[in-house]
C-alpha cells in the first residue's frame, strides 16, 4: 500500500476486529485515511471477483 510495509490483510483484520479508521490512523501515524479506504476497496473488488454464482436446477 503506497510503498508502506503494512499488508492489506493486517489493516483489514484490525477493521474486522472492531477498530475504526480513526483508531488505525492514531495507531499508525504514517497511514492516511485514503490508504485504509483503498484497503477496503481492494478487498471489495477481490471478493466480487471471486464470487461464484450458482444456478438452481
Protein backbone atom coordinates (compact mmCIF):
# COMPACT_ATOMS: atom_id res chain seq x y z
CA UNK A 1 0.00 0.00 0.00
CA UNK A 2 1.52 3.25 -1.19
CA UNK A 3 5.04 1.91 -0.64
CA UNK A 4 4.44 1.25 3.05
CA UNK A 5 5.14 -2.12 4.60
CA UNK A 6 1.69 -2.78 6.05
CA UNK A 7 -0.03 -5.78 4.49
CA UNK A 8 -3.57 -5.06 3.37
CA UNK A 9 -4.65 -8.18 5.28
CA UNK A 10 -3.38 -6.68 8.54
CA UNK A 11 -5.36 -3.47 8.09
CA UNK A 12 -8.48 -5.47 7.24
CA UNK A 13 -8.01 -7.63 10.35
CA UNK A 14 -7.95 -4.52 12.52
CA UNK A 15 -11.13 -3.25 10.88
CA UNK A 16 -12.82 -6.65 11.22
CA UNK A 17 -11.81 -6.70 14.89
CA UNK A 18 -13.75 -3.51 15.51
CA UNK A 19 -11.12 -0.80 15.15
CA UNK A 20 -12.31 2.30 13.36
CA UNK A 21 -10.45 4.19 10.66
CA UNK A 22 -9.65 6.84 13.28
CA UNK A 23 -8.24 4.13 15.60
CA UNK A 24 -5.92 2.95 12.83
CA UNK A 25 -4.82 6.47 11.98
CA UNK A 26 -3.88 7.01 15.63
CA UNK A 27 -2.08 3.65 15.86
CA UNK A 28 -0.22 4.01 12.54
CA UNK A 29 0.56 7.72 12.07
CA UNK A 30 2.20 7.18 8.66
CA UNK A 31 -1.10 5.90 7.22
CA UNK A 32 -3.61 8.23 5.62
CA UNK A 33 -7.37 7.80 5.52
CA UNK A 34 -7.14 7.12 1.77
CA UNK A 35 -4.77 4.19 2.45
CA UNK A 36 -7.30 2.50 4.70
CA UNK A 37 -10.16 3.17 2.30
CA UNK A 38 -8.03 1.73 -0.52
CA UNK A 39 -7.59 -1.49 1.51
CA UNK A 40 -11.34 -1.71 1.93
CA UNK A 41 -11.93 -1.13 -1.78
CA UNK A 42 -9.29 -3.72 -2.70
CA UNK A 43 -10.99 -6.34 -0.52
CA UNK A 44 -14.38 -5.50 -2.01
CA UNK A 45 -13.05 -5.98 -5.54
CA UNK A 46 -11.31 -9.23 -4.64
CA UNK A 47 -14.48 -10.65 -3.10
CA UNK A 48 -16.55 -9.59 -6.09
CA UNK A 49 -14.07 -11.18 -8.49
CA UNK A 50 -14.04 -14.46 -6.54
CA UNK A 51 -17.78 -14.76 -6.04
CA UNK A 52 -19.38 -17.77 -7.62
CA UNK A 53 -22.91 -17.58 -8.92
CA UNK A 54 -24.74 -20.87 -8.74
CA UNK A 55 -27.88 -21.59 -10.68
CA UNK A 56 -30.59 -23.63 -9.08
CA UNK A 57 -31.69 -26.60 -11.13
